[in-house]
Amino acid sequence: MKTGKKIIRRLFNNWALKLFSLIVAVLLWLLVMNIEDPEDQRSYYNIPVRLTNTEVLTDANMVYEVLDRTDMVRTVTIIAPKTVRDELSASDIIAEADFSKLTVTNTVEIEFYSLRYNDKIISITGSNEILKLNIEAKKMKRLAVEVQTTGEVAEGYIVSSVTPDQNRIEVTGPESAVSRIAGAVVKVDVSDSTSDISTNADVILYDADGKEISMDNLSVNVNSVLVRVKILATKTVPVRYSVTGVPATGYLFTGEVSGMPEQVTIAGTSSVLEGVRSIVIPEEHLDISNRTEDLTVNINIADYLPEDTVLEDDSFNGRAAVTVHIEKEYTRNINIAADHIRITGVPDGYTVVLEESDSPRVLSVRGLRSAVEGINEASLYGTIHIPDFMEARNMEHLTEGTYEAVAEFSIEDENTIVQPFRVRIIITSLEESE
């Protein structure tokens, strides 16, 4: 315990003198350091390489590409007096590659120097002292620009047209890179669009396999293209075909027009489509006058679209082969039983009956085969209306006797009765018979 106290007393004995000695020693050290200015090293990081005299290559129509990122020196180390080191910063350090000193192995030595105090620097070195280059002949290629749309417009709308403000570009670069380019594309997203689009789209280069090509070492005279996309509404409307003329005697128009679209989808602005109800093909295209066989014509539907409309399907050129069907008349003889002839409108005091006949009563009907054969005999009735009979004979009153009368039959309009159905009737007065 006493020994510890003695040590403490000795430490603090003449403490002022001891402190003064320490301060003097430090000052002497600083003085020596300033007088001697000792040399030491210092490192600077990520120093870009300055490329000079590159026209040596460009004037020879050559292009170069820096390999392995050798145009960036990760570490530059200098050895210099302390006073110099303390003044320098990374912006003072220059790494330079002079292309006029290009070697046969396509390398250039990187030289280092400082913008300040360069003559006082003992040494300056870099972690990379060689710039590596790939040198090729310069090539230029002209390409057509293809515009592609991506996404789907809103339902009921289509992309009508896509127009770029420039459809050709020039690409320049190393021959090996330029030769790989197969096409240039700009893409426009039209997702859910209902109105026109005008936008700038970046140019994308592709190789023959459809893979995108990097533009890092390529120069393009146009990097983006202004594209205008026209968006139109759509509407499906029927196509109306008009037929004119009458076929030759003994032939009929079946009413069937085939081989054509019954409807088409057209595109236009909403205001235009609102007033469109159908597409009408003029009848002069389908004139069947005096024909004995089908009429087939080629018609361009697109020629008859309403103004300011187009066909929605751009793969359909609008041409259609239209056939108007002509058929030879078909005649059918139908036996009419006596009980299928009705006599109506008989005045009071008279009886009218059919005269018995040993010969069959035949009704000849002519028309399209399908229509004529479709007549149901069981439901076919003829009618003799006595007032009409009297009017045809200018009779004011019925007169007894046997007369010829015409029975009227109700048949479909497309069928024709070849000749009047004549029968004989017997008119009897009831008063006289009594």
Protein backbone atom coordinates (compact mmCIF):
# COMPACT_ATOMS: atom_id res chain seq x y z
CA MET A 1 0.00 0.00 0.00
CA LYS A 2 2.84 2.36 0.91
CA THR A 3 4.71 1.39 -2.24
CA GLY A 4 1.69 2.43 -4.45
CA LYS A 5 1.51 5.80 -2.81
CA LYS A 6 5.21 6.38 -3.44
CA ILE A 7 4.76 5.62 -7.15
CA ILE A 8 1.85 8.08 -7.42
CA ARG A 9 3.87 10.79 -5.68
CA ARG A 10 6.75 10.28 -8.10
CA LEU A 11 4.42 10.51 -11.14
CA PHE A 12 2.98 13.82 -10.08
CA ASN A 13 6.28 15.19 -8.77
CA ASN A 14 7.39 18.10 -11.06
CA TRP A 15 4.33 17.51 -13.29
CA ALA A 16 4.57 20.92 -14.87
CA LEU A 17 8.08 20.26 -16.08
CA LYS A 18 7.06 16.88 -17.46
CA LEU A 19 4.11 18.37 -19.40
CA PHE A 20 6.31 21.06 -20.86
CA SER A 21 8.80 18.43 -22.03
CA LEU A 22 6.02 16.50 -23.81
CA ILE A 23 4.79 19.57 -25.67
CA VAL A 24 8.31 20.48 -26.76
CA ALA A 25 8.85 16.95 -28.06
CA VAL A 26 5.68 17.07 -30.17
CA LEU A 27 6.57 20.44 -31.65
CA LEU A 28 10.05 19.21 -32.51
CA TRP A 29 8.55 16.19 -34.29
CA LEU A 30 6.22 18.39 -36.33
CA LEU A 31 9.10 20.69 -37.23
CA VAL A 32 11.21 17.78 -38.41
CA MET A 33 8.32 16.38 -40.46
CA ASN A 34 7.73 19.72 -42.19
CA ILE A 35 11.35 20.17 -42.98
CA GLU A 36 11.87 16.61 -44.25
CA ASP A 37 8.42 16.36 -46.15
CA PRO A 38 8.55 12.55 -46.22
CA GLU A 39 7.43 10.57 -49.31
CA ASP A 40 4.51 8.15 -49.15
CA GLN A 41 1.87 6.63 -51.40
CA ARG A 42 -1.83 7.31 -51.89
CA SER A 43 -4.46 5.54 -53.99
CA TYR A 44 -7.31 6.94 -56.11
CA TYR A 45 -10.16 4.79 -57.42
CA ASN A 46 -12.22 4.38 -60.63
CA ILE A 47 -10.32 6.74 -62.86
CA PRO A 48 -11.76 6.85 -66.43
CA VAL A 49 -9.34 6.58 -69.33
CA ARG A 50 -9.22 9.60 -71.63
CA LEU A 51 -9.05 8.51 -75.30
CA THR A 52 -7.07 10.79 -77.62
CA ASN A 53 -6.28 10.83 -81.35
CA THR A 54 -9.17 8.44 -82.05
CA GLU A 55 -9.34 9.89 -85.55
CA VAL A 56 -6.47 7.56 -86.41
CA LEU A 57 -9.16 4.89 -86.68
CA THR A 58 -12.25 6.89 -87.65
CA ASP A 59 -10.44 8.57 -90.56
CA ALA A 60 -9.59 5.09 -91.83
CA ASN A 61 -13.31 4.17 -91.72
CA MET A 62 -12.71 1.86 -88.78
CA VAL A 63 -14.62 1.54 -85.52
CA TYR A 64 -13.41 0.33 -82.17
CA GLU A 65 -14.85 -1.24 -79.08
CA VAL A 66 -13.14 -1.19 -75.68
CA LEU A 67 -12.78 -4.68 -74.27
CA ASP A 68 -12.92 -5.96 -70.71
CA ARG A 69 -13.82 -2.51 -69.36
CA THR A 70 -10.20 -1.49 -69.67
CA ASP A 71 -11.26 2.13 -70.16
CA MET A 72 -11.73 2.37 -66.37
CA VAL A 73 -8.72 2.04 -64.06
CA ARG A 74 -9.89 0.73 -60.74
CA THR A 75 -6.87 1.94 -58.74
CA VAL A 76 -4.23 4.59 -59.45
CA THR A 77 -1.40 4.83 -56.91
CA ILE A 78 0.98 7.78 -56.58
CA ILE A 79 4.15 8.21 -54.52
CA ALA A 80 4.82 11.84 -53.66
CA PRO A 81 5.86 14.13 -50.83
CA LYS A 82 3.25 14.59 -48.19
CA THR A 83 2.61 18.20 -49.11
CA VAL A 84 1.74 17.11 -52.67
CA ARG A 85 -0.39 14.17 -51.63
CA ASP A 86 -2.47 16.34 -49.36
CA GLU A 87 -3.29 18.72 -52.19
CA LEU A 88 -4.26 16.20 -54.86
CA SER A 89 -7.77 14.80 -55.49
CA ALA A 90 -9.13 12.17 -57.90
CA SER A 91 -10.08 14.89 -60.41
CA ASP A 92 -6.37 15.76 -60.77
CA ILE A 93 -5.40 12.25 -61.83
CA ILE A 94 -5.46 11.62 -65.59
CA ALA A 95 -5.32 8.22 -67.33
CA GLU A 96 -4.81 8.67 -71.05
CA ALA A 97 -4.66 6.33 -74.05
CA ASP A 98 -3.17 7.85 -77.22
CA PHE A 99 -4.53 5.98 -80.27
CA SER A 100 -1.57 7.15 -82.33
CA LYS A 101 0.45 4.64 -80.29
CA LEU A 102 -1.81 1.70 -81.19
CA THR A 103 0.03 -1.63 -81.29
CA VAL A 104 -0.38 -4.45 -83.77
CA THR A 105 -2.20 -6.39 -81.05
CA ASN A 106 -4.85 -3.64 -80.88
CA THR A 107 -3.76 -2.33 -77.49
CA VAL A 108 -2.76 1.11 -76.30
CA GLU A 109 -0.57 1.81 -73.29
CA ILE A 110 -2.31 3.93 -70.66
CA GLU A 111 -0.22 6.86 -69.48
CA PHE A 112 -0.82 8.49 -66.10
CA TYR A 113 -0.16 12.03 -64.96
CA SER A 114 -1.55 14.70 -62.70
CA LEU A 115 -2.96 18.05 -63.69
CA ARG A 116 -1.18 19.58 -60.69
CA TYR A 117 2.25 19.00 -59.18
CA ASN A 118 3.02 16.42 -61.84
CA ASP A 119 6.75 17.29 -61.68
CA LYS A 120 6.80 16.63 -57.93
CA ILE A 121 5.25 13.18 -58.11
CA ILE A 122 7.80 10.43 -57.67
CA SER A 123 5.75 7.74 -59.42
CA ILE A 124 2.21 7.14 -60.64
CA THR A 125 0.92 3.70 -61.64
CA GLY A 126 -2.41 2.04 -62.32
CA SER A 127 -3.90 -1.35 -61.66
CA ASN A 128 -4.53 -1.56 -65.42
CA GLU A 129 -2.00 -0.03 -67.80
CA ILE A 130 -3.24 -1.42 -71.12
CA LEU A 131 -6.38 -0.40 -73.08
CA LYS A 132 -7.67 -3.38 -75.04
CA LEU A 133 -9.59 -2.77 -78.28
CA ASN A 134 -11.62 -4.68 -80.81
CA ILE A 135 -11.16 -2.93 -84.15
CA GLU A 136 -13.30 -3.59 -87.21
CA ALA A 137 -14.25 -2.03 -90.49
CA LYS A 138 -17.06 0.46 -90.17
CA LYS A 139 -20.33 -0.57 -91.86
CA MET A 140 -23.60 1.24 -92.48
CA LYS A 141 -26.92 -0.47 -93.09
CA ARG A 142 -30.27 1.00 -94.10
CA LEU A 143 -33.35 -0.69 -92.66
CA ALA A 144 -37.09 -0.38 -93.16
CA VAL A 145 -38.85 0.31 -89.87
CA GLU A 146 -41.65 -2.11 -89.03
CA VAL A 147 -44.36 -0.83 -86.70
CA GLN A 148 -45.94 -3.38 -84.37
CA THR A 149 -48.88 -2.88 -82.04
CA THR A 150 -49.10 -4.72 -78.75
CA GLY A 151 -52.17 -5.43 -76.64
CA GLU A 152 -55.80 -5.40 -77.75
CA VAL A 153 -57.96 -2.36 -78.38
CA ALA A 154 -61.28 -2.10 -76.56
CA GLU A 155 -64.04 -4.48 -77.64
CA GLY A 156 -65.86 -3.22 -80.72
CA TYR A 157 -62.81 -1.33 -82.03
CA ILE A 158 -59.96 -2.13 -84.41
CA VAL A 159 -56.59 -0.72 -85.38
CA SER A 160 -57.32 0.72 -88.80
CA SER A 161 -53.87 2.00 -89.75
CA VAL A 162 -50.42 2.55 -88.28
CA THR A 163 -48.29 5.33 -89.77
CA PRO A 164 -44.70 6.16 -88.74
CA ASP A 165 -43.31 9.60 -89.53
CA GLN A 166 -40.14 7.85 -90.74
CA ASN A 167 -40.00 4.38 -92.22
CA ARG A 168 -36.26 3.98 -92.80
CA ILE A 169 -33.24 4.31 -90.53
CA GLU A 170 -29.45 4.05 -90.87
CA VAL A 171 -27.38 1.98 -88.46
CA THR A 172 -23.59 2.36 -88.28
CA GLY A 173 -21.10 0.29 -86.33
CA PRO A 174 -18.66 -2.62 -86.42
CA GLU A 175 -19.18 -4.82 -89.45
CA SER A 176 -19.74 -7.93 -87.33
CA ALA A 177 -22.47 -6.23 -85.28
CA VAL A 178 -24.19 -4.49 -88.20
CA SER A 179 -24.22 -7.69 -90.26
CA ARG A 180 -26.25 -9.41 -87.53
CA ILE A 181 -29.10 -6.90 -87.81
CA ALA A 182 -32.11 -8.36 -89.64
CA GLY A 183 -34.76 -5.77 -88.86
CA ALA A 184 -35.79 -2.63 -87.04
CA VAL A 185 -39.05 -2.44 -85.10
CA VAL A 186 -40.98 0.13 -83.10
CA LYS A 187 -43.77 -1.02 -80.81
CA VAL A 188 -46.90 0.83 -79.71
CA ASP A 189 -49.19 -0.39 -76.92
CA VAL A 190 -52.86 -0.07 -77.95
CA SER A 191 -54.40 -1.87 -74.97
CA ASP A 192 -58.07 -0.89 -74.38
CA SER A 193 -57.80 2.10 -76.74
CA THR A 194 -60.98 3.65 -78.19
CA SER A 195 -59.40 6.69 -79.89
CA ASP A 196 -56.42 7.55 -82.08
CA ILE A 197 -52.90 7.34 -80.62
CA SER A 198 -49.89 9.53 -81.39
CA THR A 199 -46.67 8.60 -79.60
CA ASN A 200 -42.90 8.37 -79.92
CA ALA A 201 -41.66 4.76 -79.93
CA ASP A 202 -38.06 3.63 -79.45
CA VAL A 203 -36.33 1.79 -82.29
CA ILE A 204 -35.45 -1.83 -81.45
CA LEU A 205 -33.04 -3.88 -83.55
CA TYR A 206 -33.42 -7.65 -84.02
CA ASP A 207 -31.34 -10.44 -85.49
CA ALA A 208 -32.58 -13.18 -87.81
CA ASP A 209 -33.71 -15.27 -84.83
CA GLY A 210 -35.86 -12.47 -83.45
CA LYS A 211 -33.47 -11.68 -80.60
CA GLU A 212 -32.97 -8.08 -79.60
CA ILE A 213 -29.56 -6.60 -80.44
CA SER A 214 -27.80 -4.27 -78.03
CA MET A 215 -27.09 -0.77 -79.37
CA ASP A 216 -24.10 -0.18 -77.09
CA ASN A 217 -21.58 -0.10 -79.94
CA LEU A 218 -24.00 0.96 -82.68
CA SER A 219 -25.00 4.39 -83.90
CA VAL A 220 -28.55 4.97 -85.20
CA ASN A 221 -29.52 8.15 -87.01
CA VAL A 222 -33.00 7.97 -85.44
CA ASN A 223 -33.52 6.54 -81.96
CA SER A 224 -37.30 6.97 -81.84
CA VAL A 225 -40.10 7.32 -84.36
CA LEU A 226 -43.36 9.24 -84.09
CA VAL A 227 -46.19 6.76 -84.76
CA ARG A 228 -49.83 7.59 -85.38
CA VAL A 229 -52.34 4.79 -84.82
CA LYS A 230 -55.89 5.19 -86.15
CA ILE A 231 -58.52 3.45 -84.00
CA LEU A 232 -62.00 2.87 -85.46
CA ALA A 233 -65.28 1.51 -84.12
CA THR A 234 -66.82 -1.55 -85.82
CA LYS A 235 -70.33 -2.59 -86.80
CA THR A 236 -71.75 -5.73 -88.44
CA VAL A 237 -74.39 -5.03 -91.10
CA PRO A 238 -76.22 -7.21 -93.65
CA VAL A 239 -75.37 -7.18 -97.36
CA ARG A 240 -78.41 -6.61 -99.57
CA TYR A 241 -78.28 -8.04 -103.11
CA SER A 242 -80.84 -6.80 -105.62
CA VAL A 243 -81.74 -8.99 -108.63
CA THR A 244 -83.31 -7.57 -111.77
CA GLY A 245 -84.75 -9.06 -114.96
CA VAL A 246 -86.82 -12.16 -115.81
CA PRO A 247 -85.30 -15.47 -116.95
CA ALA A 248 -86.11 -17.00 -120.34
CA THR A 249 -89.53 -18.56 -120.88
CA GLY A 250 -89.79 -21.83 -119.00
CA TYR A 251 -87.22 -20.80 -116.38
CA LEU A 252 -87.57 -19.22 -112.97
CA PHE A 253 -85.43 -17.36 -110.43
CA THR A 254 -85.34 -19.53 -107.34
CA GLY A 255 -85.00 -16.53 -105.03
CA GLU A 256 -81.67 -17.89 -103.80
CA VAL A 257 -78.50 -15.83 -104.03
CA SER A 258 -75.56 -17.82 -102.71
CA GLY A 259 -71.81 -17.82 -102.32
CA MET A 260 -71.65 -14.38 -100.76
CA PRO A 261 -71.27 -13.04 -97.25
CA GLU A 262 -74.68 -12.36 -95.82
CA GLN A 263 -73.14 -9.75 -93.57
CA VAL A 264 -69.87 -7.89 -93.21
CA THR A 265 -68.19 -6.00 -90.39
CA ILE A 266 -67.19 -2.47 -91.28
CA ALA A 267 -65.15 0.09 -89.40
CA GLY A 268 -65.43 3.86 -89.11
CA THR A 269 -66.01 6.60 -86.61
CA SER A 270 -68.94 6.06 -84.25
CA SER A 271 -70.85 8.98 -85.76
CA VAL A 272 -70.55 7.53 -89.29
CA LEU A 273 -71.49 3.98 -88.31
CA GLU A 274 -74.60 5.15 -86.48
CA GLY A 275 -76.35 5.87 -89.79
CA VAL A 276 -75.32 2.66 -91.59
CA ARG A 277 -78.00 -0.05 -91.72
CA SER A 278 -76.81 -2.28 -94.59
CA ILE A 279 -74.53 -2.56 -97.61
CA VAL A 280 -76.56 -2.40 -100.83
CA ILE A 281 -75.22 -3.99 -104.02
CA PRO A 282 -76.88 -2.34 -107.07
CA GLU A 283 -79.17 -4.58 -109.13
CA GLU A 284 -77.35 -3.95 -112.42
CA HIS A 285 -74.70 -6.44 -111.27
CA LEU A 286 -77.30 -9.23 -111.05
CA ASP A 287 -79.39 -9.00 -114.23
CA ILE A 288 -80.94 -12.39 -115.03
CA SER A 289 -82.89 -11.32 -118.11
CA ASN A 290 -83.50 -14.24 -120.55
CA ARG A 291 -81.17 -16.55 -118.67
CA THR A 292 -81.55 -20.33 -118.75
CA GLU A 293 -78.86 -21.12 -116.16
CA ASP A 294 -77.34 -19.75 -112.97
CA LEU A 295 -75.68 -16.33 -113.08
CA THR A 296 -72.32 -16.05 -111.29
CA VAL A 297 -70.52 -12.73 -111.03
CA ASN A 298 -67.60 -11.34 -109.03
CA ILE A 299 -68.50 -8.28 -106.99
CA ASN A 300 -66.20 -6.08 -104.94
CA ILE A 301 -68.21 -5.29 -101.84
CA ALA A 302 -65.61 -2.70 -100.85
CA ASP A 303 -66.75 -0.54 -103.79
CA TYR A 304 -70.14 -0.08 -102.14
CA LEU A 305 -69.15 0.68 -98.57
CA PRO A 306 -70.59 3.87 -97.12
CA GLU A 307 -68.30 6.88 -97.26
CA ASP A 308 -65.58 7.02 -94.58
CA THR A 309 -65.86 3.30 -93.74
CA VAL A 310 -63.59 0.33 -94.42
CA LEU A 311 -63.83 -3.43 -94.07
CA GLU A 312 -62.91 -4.50 -90.55
CA ASP A 313 -60.99 -7.58 -91.71
CA ASP A 314 -58.01 -6.31 -93.67
CA SER A 315 -57.32 -9.86 -94.88
CA PHE A 316 -60.63 -9.79 -96.81
CA ASN A 317 -60.23 -7.82 -100.05
CA GLY A 318 -63.98 -7.41 -100.43
CA ARG A 319 -64.35 -9.59 -103.51
CA ALA A 320 -67.15 -12.13 -103.49
CA ALA A 321 -68.41 -14.64 -106.08
CA VAL A 322 -72.19 -14.27 -106.13
CA THR A 323 -74.47 -16.84 -107.76
CA VAL A 324 -78.10 -16.21 -108.65
CA HIS A 325 -79.85 -19.56 -109.07
CA ILE A 326 -82.03 -20.19 -112.15
CA GLU A 327 -84.21 -23.30 -112.43
CA LYS A 328 -86.30 -24.83 -115.22
CA GLU A 329 -90.02 -24.64 -114.51
CA TYR A 330 -91.61 -27.78 -113.10
CA THR A 331 -95.23 -28.78 -113.86
CA ARG A 332 -97.36 -31.04 -111.69
CA ASN A 333 -100.81 -32.43 -112.50
CA ILE A 334 -102.99 -32.84 -109.43
CA ASN A 335 -106.26 -34.83 -109.48
CA ILE A 336 -109.02 -32.86 -107.74
CA ALA A 337 -111.87 -34.91 -106.27
CA ALA A 338 -115.44 -33.59 -106.56
CA ASP A 339 -115.70 -33.05 -102.83
CA HIS A 340 -112.70 -30.70 -103.04
CA ILE A 341 -114.68 -28.24 -105.13
CA ARG A 342 -116.84 -25.88 -103.07
CA ILE A 343 -119.76 -23.88 -104.48
CA THR A 344 -120.53 -20.72 -102.51
CA GLY A 345 -122.84 -17.71 -102.74
CA VAL A 346 -125.83 -19.62 -104.19
CA PRO A 347 -128.93 -17.35 -104.13
CA ASP A 348 -132.03 -18.49 -102.26
CA GLY A 349 -134.33 -20.62 -104.33
CA TYR A 350 -131.61 -22.29 -106.35
CA THR A 351 -129.35 -25.27 -106.13
CA VAL A 352 -125.99 -25.57 -107.88
CA VAL A 353 -124.18 -28.90 -108.13
CA LEU A 354 -121.29 -30.32 -110.10
CA GLU A 355 -122.10 -32.34 -113.15
CA GLU A 356 -120.85 -35.85 -112.78
CA SER A 357 -117.86 -36.73 -114.94
CA ASP A 358 -116.16 -40.00 -115.81
CA SER A 359 -112.89 -38.18 -116.59
CA PRO A 360 -110.56 -37.11 -113.76
CA ARG A 361 -110.50 -33.45 -112.98
CA VAL A 362 -106.85 -32.29 -113.23
CA LEU A 363 -105.26 -29.07 -111.95
CA SER A 364 -101.93 -28.30 -113.62
CA VAL A 365 -99.56 -26.22 -111.44
CA ARG A 366 -96.25 -24.83 -112.64
CA GLY A 367 -93.36 -23.37 -110.63
CA LEU A 368 -90.19 -24.26 -108.79
CA ARG A 369 -89.94 -27.99 -108.18
CA SER A 370 -89.60 -27.62 -104.42
CA ALA A 371 -92.61 -25.34 -104.20
CA VAL A 372 -94.84 -27.36 -106.53
CA GLU A 373 -94.01 -30.65 -104.90
CA GLY A 374 -94.72 -29.08 -101.56
CA ILE A 375 -98.42 -28.63 -102.38
CA ASN A 376 -100.56 -30.81 -100.11
CA GLU A 377 -103.40 -32.37 -102.12
CA ALA A 378 -105.43 -33.08 -99.00
CA SER A 379 -105.67 -29.40 -98.17
CA LEU A 380 -106.14 -28.15 -101.73
CA TYR A 381 -109.69 -26.93 -102.43
CA GLY A 382 -111.23 -25.09 -105.35
CA THR A 383 -114.07 -22.60 -105.03
CA ILE A 384 -116.82 -21.53 -107.45
CA HIS A 385 -118.35 -18.34 -106.14
CA ILE A 386 -121.70 -17.93 -107.86
CA PRO A 387 -121.80 -14.09 -107.75
CA ASP A 388 -118.45 -14.05 -109.58
CA PHE A 389 -119.82 -16.63 -112.01
CA MET A 390 -122.87 -14.42 -112.69
CA GLU A 391 -120.71 -11.30 -113.14
CA ALA A 392 -118.47 -13.07 -115.65
CA ARG A 393 -121.58 -14.02 -117.70
CA ASN A 394 -123.40 -10.69 -117.20
CA MET A 395 -126.31 -12.53 -115.55
CA GLU A 396 -128.61 -10.46 -113.38
CA HIS A 397 -130.51 -13.58 -112.30
CA LEU A 398 -129.63 -17.21 -112.30
CA THR A 399 -131.06 -19.23 -115.08
CA GLU A 400 -131.52 -22.94 -114.93
CA GLY A 401 -129.23 -24.98 -117.07
CA THR A 402 -125.83 -26.57 -117.32
CA TYR A 403 -122.88 -24.23 -117.54
CA GLU A 404 -119.10 -24.26 -117.59
CA ALA A 405 -117.51 -22.56 -114.57
CA VAL A 406 -113.95 -21.88 -113.37
CA ALA A 407 -112.94 -23.00 -109.89
CA GLU A 408 -110.42 -20.76 -108.14
CA PHE A 409 -107.62 -22.29 -106.08
CA SER A 410 -105.53 -20.56 -103.44
CA ILE A 411 -101.87 -21.50 -103.98
CA GLU A 412 -98.54 -19.91 -103.06
CA ASP A 413 -97.54 -16.89 -105.15
CA GLU A 414 -94.44 -18.61 -106.52
CA ASN A 415 -96.65 -21.23 -108.15
CA THR A 416 -98.77 -20.70 -111.24
CA ILE A 417 -101.92 -22.52 -112.42
CA VAL A 418 -101.19 -23.46 -116.01
CA GLN A 419 -104.76 -23.04 -117.23
CA PRO A 420 -108.11 -22.33 -115.64
CA PHE A 421 -109.71 -25.30 -113.83
CA ARG A 422 -113.01 -25.70 -115.72
CA VAL A 423 -115.92 -27.83 -114.55
CA ARG A 424 -119.59 -28.08 -115.49
CA ILE A 425 -122.27 -27.07 -113.02
CA ILE A 426 -126.02 -27.66 -113.01
CA ILE A 427 -128.29 -24.81 -111.85
CA THR A 428 -131.79 -25.71 -110.76
CA SER A 429 -134.65 -23.47 -109.57
CA LEU A 430 -136.37 -24.90 -106.52
CA GLU A 431 -139.63 -23.09 -107.26
CA GLU A 432 -140.11 -24.69 -110.65
CA SER A 433 -139.22 -28.10 -109.36
CA GLU A 434 -142.01 -27.82 -106.82
